[in-house]
């Protein structure tokens, strides 16, 4: 299960990074002196930063859920020994 979670996380992180890189490249090339395009580029950078923060939070939630499951299993084993 853990391996599958890692694969999904890595796939989504990679897809996200590639998407931002492609859009960033396009905006950089077309921005030139256009202030709207420069603003769009800056907004994209902020969005990318926030998406990275969200991705890290989701990873931490996954770790906490695994710890909770482990502790729950320990409690069950201590209360109901075989």
Foldseek 3Di string as FASTA:
>chain_A
DVVVVVVVLVVVVVVLVVVLVVVLVVLVVPVPPPVVSVVVNVVSVVVSVVVVVVSVVVVVVVVVVVVVVVVVVVVCCVVDPD
